[in-house]
Protein backbone atom coordinates (compact mmCIF):
# COMPACT_ATOMS: atom_id res chain seq x y z
CA MET A 1 -22.55 -43.24 -19.99
CA ASN A 2 -18.98 -42.11 -20.47
CA GLY A 3 -19.87 -38.52 -19.64
CA SER A 4 -21.73 -39.41 -16.46
CA PHE A 5 -18.95 -41.70 -15.35
CA ARG A 6 -15.98 -39.39 -16.08
CA SER A 7 -17.45 -36.15 -14.75
CA PRO A 8 -17.23 -36.93 -10.99
CA ILE A 9 -13.72 -38.29 -11.44
CA LYS A 10 -12.62 -35.04 -13.06
CA VAL A 11 -14.15 -32.91 -10.31
CA GLU A 12 -12.58 -35.05 -7.61
CA SER A 13 -9.19 -34.78 -9.31
CA LEU A 14 -9.43 -30.98 -9.42
CA SER A 15 -10.44 -30.75 -5.77
CA GLN A 16 -7.56 -32.99 -4.75
CA THR A 17 -5.11 -30.87 -6.74
CA ALA A 18 -6.37 -27.67 -5.11
CA GLU A 19 -6.08 -29.25 -1.68
CA VAL A 20 -2.49 -30.32 -2.30
CA ALA A 21 -1.59 -26.85 -3.57
CA SER A 22 -3.08 -25.09 -0.54
CA THR A 23 -1.39 -27.54 1.81
CA THR A 24 1.96 -26.89 0.16
CA LEU A 25 1.53 -23.14 0.65
CA VAL A 26 0.66 -23.59 4.31
CA GLU A 27 3.54 -25.96 4.97
CA ASN A 28 6.08 -23.72 3.30
CA GLY A 29 4.71 -20.69 5.12
CA GLN A 30 5.32 -18.39 2.17
CA ARG A 31 4.14 -17.63 -1.34
CA GLN A 32 6.08 -19.39 -4.05
CA ASN A 33 6.06 -16.68 -6.71
CA ILE A 34 7.64 -13.73 -4.90
CA PRO A 35 10.34 -12.33 -7.23
CA THR A 36 13.85 -12.55 -5.86
CA LYS A 37 15.25 -10.18 -8.48
CA LYS A 38 14.13 -6.81 -9.79
CA GLN A 39 11.36 -7.03 -12.38
CA PHE A 40 10.80 -4.31 -14.98
CA VAL A 41 7.42 -5.35 -16.40
CA ASP A 42 4.48 -7.14 -14.78
CA HIS A 43 2.00 -8.14 -17.48
CA HIS A 44 -0.48 -9.62 -15.00
CA ARG A 45 -0.80 -6.43 -12.95
CA GLN A 46 -0.17 -4.11 -15.94
CA GLY A 47 2.70 -2.52 -14.06
CA LEU A 48 6.18 -1.39 -15.02
CA ILE A 49 9.22 0.24 -13.48
CA VAL A 50 9.72 3.93 -14.42
CA GLU A 51 11.64 6.98 -13.16
CA GLY A 52 15.03 5.69 -14.24
CA GLY A 53 14.36 2.22 -12.85
CA VAL A 54 13.14 3.09 -9.35
CA GLY A 55 9.53 4.32 -9.66
CA TYR A 56 6.45 2.23 -10.40
CA ARG A 57 3.48 2.77 -12.73
CA GLN A 58 0.36 0.66 -12.91
CA THR A 59 -2.65 0.88 -15.19
CA VAL A 60 -5.97 0.21 -13.47
CA VAL A 61 -9.65 0.39 -14.44
CA ILE A 62 -12.28 1.71 -12.03
CA ARG A 63 -14.64 -1.22 -11.43
CA SER A 64 -18.37 -1.07 -10.79
CA TYR A 65 -17.92 -2.17 -7.17
CA GLU A 66 -15.45 0.68 -6.57
CA VAL A 67 -17.95 3.48 -7.22
CA GLY A 68 -20.90 4.92 -5.35
CA ALA A 69 -24.42 5.79 -6.46
CA ASP A 70 -23.06 8.73 -8.49
CA LYS A 71 -20.77 6.34 -10.44
CA THR A 72 -17.63 8.02 -9.11
CA ALA A 73 -14.91 6.15 -7.23
CA THR A 74 -15.23 6.21 -3.47
CA LEU A 75 -12.47 7.44 -1.19
CA GLU A 76 -12.07 3.92 0.17
CA SER A 77 -11.49 2.57 -3.35
CA ILE A 78 -8.85 5.20 -4.04
CA LEU A 79 -7.06 4.36 -0.79
CA ASN A 80 -7.17 0.67 -1.67
CA LEU A 81 -5.52 1.46 -5.01
CA LEU A 82 -2.78 3.41 -3.24
CA GLN A 83 -2.11 0.45 -0.98
CA GLU A 84 -2.15 -2.03 -3.86
CA THR A 85 0.28 -0.08 -6.04
CA ALA A 86 2.64 0.49 -3.10
CA LEU A 87 2.83 -3.25 -2.42
CA ASN A 88 3.21 -4.08 -6.11
CA HIS A 89 6.11 -1.63 -6.26
CA VAL A 90 7.90 -3.55 -3.50
CA TRP A 91 6.93 -6.83 -5.18
CA MET A 92 8.69 -5.85 -8.43
CA SER A 93 11.74 -4.46 -6.64
CA GLY A 94 12.91 -7.92 -5.59
CA LEU A 95 13.17 -6.69 -1.99
CA LEU A 96 9.95 -8.26 -0.72
CA GLY A 97 10.47 -10.74 2.09
CA ASP A 98 7.78 -12.92 3.64
CA GLY A 99 6.03 -9.98 5.25
CA PHE A 100 3.34 -7.56 4.12
CA GLY A 101 5.60 -5.20 2.21
CA ALA A 102 8.61 -5.80 4.50
CA THR A 103 12.05 -6.22 2.97
CA HIS A 104 14.43 -9.10 3.69
CA GLY A 105 16.41 -6.93 6.10
CA MET A 106 13.25 -5.93 7.93
CA MET A 107 12.22 -9.56 8.32
CA ARG A 108 15.60 -10.43 9.81
CA ASN A 109 15.16 -7.62 12.36
CA ASP A 110 11.49 -8.38 13.17
CA LEU A 111 10.37 -5.06 11.70
CA ILE A 112 7.10 -4.07 10.07
CA TRP A 113 5.91 -0.89 8.36
CA VAL A 114 3.62 1.59 10.08
CA VAL A 115 1.99 4.45 8.19
CA SER A 116 2.25 7.38 10.60
CA ARG A 117 0.90 10.11 8.33
CA MET A 118 -1.05 10.29 5.09
CA GLN A 119 -2.38 13.15 2.99
CA VAL A 120 -4.57 12.78 -0.09
CA LEU A 121 -5.56 15.69 -2.34
CA ILE A 122 -8.34 14.85 -4.80
CA ASP A 123 -9.08 17.27 -7.63
CA TYR A 124 -11.56 15.03 -9.44
CA TYR A 125 -13.04 11.64 -8.63
CA PRO A 126 -12.61 9.15 -11.50
CA ILE A 127 -15.80 7.57 -12.83
CA TRP A 128 -16.78 3.98 -13.49
CA GLY A 129 -14.76 2.57 -16.39
CA GLU A 130 -12.07 5.25 -16.22
CA VAL A 131 -8.60 3.94 -17.08
CA LEU A 132 -6.00 5.35 -14.70
CA GLU A 133 -2.24 5.43 -14.51
CA ILE A 134 -0.98 5.41 -10.94
CA ASP A 135 2.63 6.38 -10.33
CA THR A 136 4.26 5.75 -6.96
CA TRP A 137 7.77 6.27 -5.64
CA VAL A 138 9.64 6.53 -2.36
CA GLY A 139 12.09 8.92 -0.74
CA ALA A 140 13.77 9.61 2.58
CA SER A 141 11.82 11.14 5.45
CA GLY A 142 14.19 12.23 8.19
CA LYS A 143 16.79 9.78 9.47
CA ASN A 144 14.57 6.78 10.15
CA GLY A 145 11.48 7.23 8.00
CA MET A 146 10.43 6.75 4.41
CA ARG A 147 8.11 8.89 2.34
CA ARG A 148 5.88 7.35 -0.32
CA ASP A 149 4.03 9.47 -2.88
CA TRP A 150 1.40 8.75 -5.52
CA LEU A 151 0.05 10.48 -8.61
CA LEU A 152 -3.24 9.38 -10.20
CA ARG A 153 -4.07 10.54 -13.71
CA SER A 154 -6.15 9.62 -16.74
CA LYS A 155 -4.31 7.31 -19.10
CA SER A 156 -5.98 8.83 -22.18
CA THR A 157 -5.84 12.57 -21.38
CA GLY A 158 -3.21 12.89 -18.66
CA ARG A 159 -5.68 14.73 -16.44
CA ILE A 160 -4.57 14.54 -12.80
CA PHE A 161 -7.24 13.17 -10.49
CA ALA A 162 -5.39 12.97 -7.20
CA ARG A 163 -2.05 13.26 -5.42
CA ALA A 164 -1.03 11.61 -2.18
CA THR A 165 1.91 11.50 0.20
CA SER A 166 2.62 9.43 3.30
CA THR A 167 5.27 8.84 5.94
CA TRP A 168 6.26 5.31 6.92
CA VAL A 169 8.19 4.30 10.02
CA MET A 170 9.31 0.94 11.37
CA MET A 171 7.99 -0.95 14.36
CA ASN A 172 9.36 -4.04 16.05
CA SER A 173 6.70 -6.71 15.58
CA LYS A 174 7.54 -8.36 18.91
CA THR A 175 7.94 -5.39 21.24
CA ARG A 176 5.50 -3.10 19.36
CA ARG A 177 7.93 -0.23 19.75
CA LEU A 178 9.06 2.12 17.01
CA SER A 179 12.53 1.30 15.74
CA LYS A 180 15.41 3.10 14.09
CA MET A 181 16.19 2.02 10.55
CA PRO A 182 18.96 -0.63 10.60
CA GLU A 183 21.85 -0.02 8.24
CA GLU A 184 21.11 -3.17 6.23
CA VAL A 185 17.56 -1.95 5.64
CA ARG A 186 18.82 1.52 4.74
CA ASP A 187 21.16 -0.07 2.20
CA GLU A 188 18.19 -1.90 0.66
CA LEU A 189 15.95 1.15 0.40
CA THR A 190 18.28 4.06 -0.37
CA PRO A 191 18.90 3.11 -4.05
CA TRP A 192 15.13 3.46 -4.61
CA PHE A 193 14.78 6.94 -3.10
CA ILE A 194 13.75 9.86 -5.33
CA GLN A 195 13.90 13.53 -4.40
CA LYS A 196 10.46 14.27 -5.79
CA GLN A 197 7.20 15.17 -4.08
CA ALA A 198 3.63 14.73 -5.30
CA ILE A 199 2.45 17.37 -2.82
CA GLN A 200 4.57 20.41 -2.02
CA GLU A 201 4.22 20.67 1.72
CA ASP A 202 4.16 23.96 3.59
CA ALA A 203 5.94 24.42 6.90
CA PRO A 204 3.69 22.97 9.62
CA GLU A 205 2.00 25.53 11.84
CA LYS A 206 2.94 25.55 15.48
CA ILE A 207 0.12 24.29 17.69
CA VAL A 208 -0.64 26.73 20.46
CA LYS A 209 -0.92 25.14 23.90
CA LEU A 210 -4.39 25.66 25.37
CA ASN A 211 -5.22 26.43 28.98
CA LYS A 212 -8.37 26.49 31.06
CA GLY A 213 -9.28 29.82 29.56
CA ALA A 214 -10.09 28.30 26.16
CA LYS A 215 -13.40 29.39 24.62
CA TYR A 216 -14.62 25.84 23.97
CA MET A 217 -13.75 22.84 26.13
CA ASN A 218 -14.74 19.17 26.33
CA SER A 219 -13.33 17.07 29.16
CA ASP A 220 -15.43 13.97 28.47
CA LEU A 221 -13.41 12.70 25.50
CA LYS A 222 -12.62 8.98 25.26
CA LEU A 223 -10.00 7.32 23.05
CA MET A 224 -11.66 5.12 20.43
CA GLN A 225 -10.20 2.36 18.28
CA LEU A 226 -10.38 4.49 15.13
CA ASP A 227 -8.33 7.20 16.85
CA ILE A 228 -5.34 4.85 17.12
CA ALA A 229 -5.77 3.06 13.79
CA VAL A 230 -3.07 5.26 12.29
CA VAL A 231 -0.37 3.41 14.24
CA LYS A 232 -1.35 0.02 12.85
CA THR A 233 0.10 -1.60 9.78
CA LYS A 234 -0.86 -0.25 6.40
CA GLN A 235 -3.52 -2.83 5.59
CA LYS A 236 -5.80 -0.87 7.95
CA THR A 237 -5.46 2.39 6.01
CA SER A 238 -8.74 2.15 4.09
CA CYS A 239 -10.67 1.00 7.17
CA TYR A 240 -9.43 3.99 9.14
CA HIS A 241 -10.56 6.51 6.57
CA SER A 242 -13.85 4.89 5.61
CA SER A 243 -15.27 4.47 9.11
C-alpha cells in the first residue's frame, strides 16, 4: 500500500523539479555553469590545460556509434571530436560568453566565429574502444584571423592518428559581414596564442586563370547549399564534410 501510494508522488515531484529547472534556464537565457575563471582540470570531460597553461588536452574513447561497419571511426566522428575539444578549450579558458564559443568581447560586439578553412590529415583511423588524447591550441592567422590546430594520438602508445588545422574569422551576427578583430577581443585571445603548427603548410600554389580555350569546360554549374556551408558557424563543420 505504501509503495503504490508513494510512487506516483515521487515521480510527480521529479517531473516538477525538472520543469522548474528547465524554466529557469530559459528565463535566464544562459547556462548557469559556464566558468568565469580559467580552469586547469575538468574531471567530467577528462580535460586539462597543457602547453604552459594555454593548450588543451582531452582524453576520449571511441564509442560504438562513432564507427562504421569496419569498426573504425568515421570522418564525421573525428570532426565532431575536433569541434567538441575546441569548444571545451574555450570553456576552460574562462573566456566563454553566452555564445557558441564566442568570448565576452565578441558577444559585446555581436561577433560570431566562422571557420573559413580546414585541413585534416589522417594517418590511421582509430578503432572502436581506442582511447585517444586530443591536443588543441590556437595561434594568430594574419591580422584578423585565428588558427586552431589539433593532434590526435593513442593514449597508450603515443601513435599519431591524425593532425588538423583550421582558420577562423569573425562575422557580425546582425549584418552577416566579416569583421576585423576588435582590440578588446585581440586582448582576450592573444595570451592563448602558440607559435606551433600541427601541419607544416607549404606555400599555396598560384591558381592559373582559365579562358575559353580550356580543355574541359562546364557552364551548367549551380551553387548548392553544401558549397557555401564553409561560411557558416562551426557547428555545421561535420555536416559539410559528411554530406
